[in-house]
């Protein structure tokens, strides 16, 4: 039973009075990306998921409804109260997902916990594994834990592995698999989160239902549009021929020696596009698989081709970042490709400034990639070109969009090229050059001036004499020789420290630790009350008397 809790009465509805709760639902595309990783795939479903979790009795009056007594239409209507969460209430998905996650809290097998928390989309669980035994074990362990801890029935199992299916109870299999063998030609397709999964071929497929539309408009469409429409309509029967392998590559990603992501970007006056592939290296063999692609219509006016190419590059970094975040696997290398040298010049630029449109997009691209990751690809070898133009379905099946470009099979590709700006003086996206004069002001005493002194004592005596002379010139109170000597030592040491260890001192002043590459890293340095840089370590842990200070750090030169 589904309740429409959004219906309003006197300006209010049940959903408007409820808090939706946090969004705990996994990303749908992310679940599908992980579903395609390994050879053995499994799916399962939770029976009436929302009804598995009960409402507090004090809240049940808010979900009353009227129905026939004993579910008999011949009997009078009666008032009923729901005892469980409803299909249609805005908090139900959040509550159900939260409770589902509580079922796999520790102690729990790590693979079961990962399956439930990362590979469920509401009540559908999809995942893939390297072996039949591992897949079957996770499926059965998950079923057992959910039944024992939450009285939840996890069933309607499906798999592309005959071993897994044979080991499952027929009552737990999905309806279409309860009485069939996976090696027969009559195996039906399973619907996995909106995709049709052909289990026998282990591919995602598509289907169409073409219907003639009766239009009520008085004016006929132009002939050229009618011809284009009929051509597109007649090509749709080829859609059933499009098969996307569920598994990215025919080898285990889990046991791969090297995993790379390669994303291609392209733009035309009609659209921008980006497409991502995975490249697996195992036993000195390379395997390339299609992950995902995306196309967007280009704006009608105001965008040049270089601007559109830049937008395509931004789209490439966005989908790659998404894939990397959802993949849950260590990626060894990420590469980006475009056939626009203008864009590559923008991304590698370190000398000129751009106007707002280009500047913002270059900044966003470089937030998710490095210039060194970008390189040129020939237009005729760029699979993203397919996503920016019309292509018949029968050609899409054999295109590089699904199979990947042949250049990915070549390990000798050079990614070290430099890409200067193209004609920067005439590029309207580049700001005019402005000459700026920079003056460097050094802080401290500039200790290089004192290299003429032969010893430490002669240096301090010279500085003390200079300061005493200044005091007398300004009629200031004299300083005792002892204090003056000590003050000049501290001033000179602090100045020398600041010249050599400026960045470390500034980080310590901000209560931060020194950077990993600092030569002082192993000394655990700190600043004392007078601002002097000292050695830390045991002194700060209390091994010496309270109030003691560590040795002062003196630059080597």
Foldseek 3Di string as FASTA:
>chain_A
DADAQCDDDPRDGNQVVDDLDDPQFADPLLLLLQLQAEDKKKKKFWPPQQQLAFDDPVPFVVAKDWAAPVNDPVHDIDIDTGGTGHRNHSNSQVVSLVVQLVLQDPPHDPLLNCQSRQNDGRGMTMHGDHDLVVVLVSQVSNQVSCCVRRVIHMAQMDMLDQVSLVPDQLVRHRPQSSPDGLCDPPRAWDQDPNWTADSNQQWTADDDDDDDDDDDDPDDDDPVVVVVVVVQVVLCVLRRVATAHSHFWPHHPVPFPAKEKEKEWAADQFKTKMWIWIWTADPNAITIGGRDMDMDTDDNDDDDRVLSRLVRLLVRLVVVVVCVVSNPDDHPYYAYEYQDLQNLQLLQDDDFDFPDSSRVSSVSSCVRHHSLRYDYDDPVQGQRVPRHDDDRSVVVRVGCSGRPGPCVRDPPDDSRDHRHHDPLVPDPGIDDDDDDDDDDDADADPCVVVPPDPDPVVSLVVVLVVVQVVCVVVVHDDDDPVVSSVVSVVRVQLRQCCVVVVVQLVCLVVVHHDDPPDPCNVQRWHADPVRFIFGDPPVVVCPDPPPDTHHTDGDPD
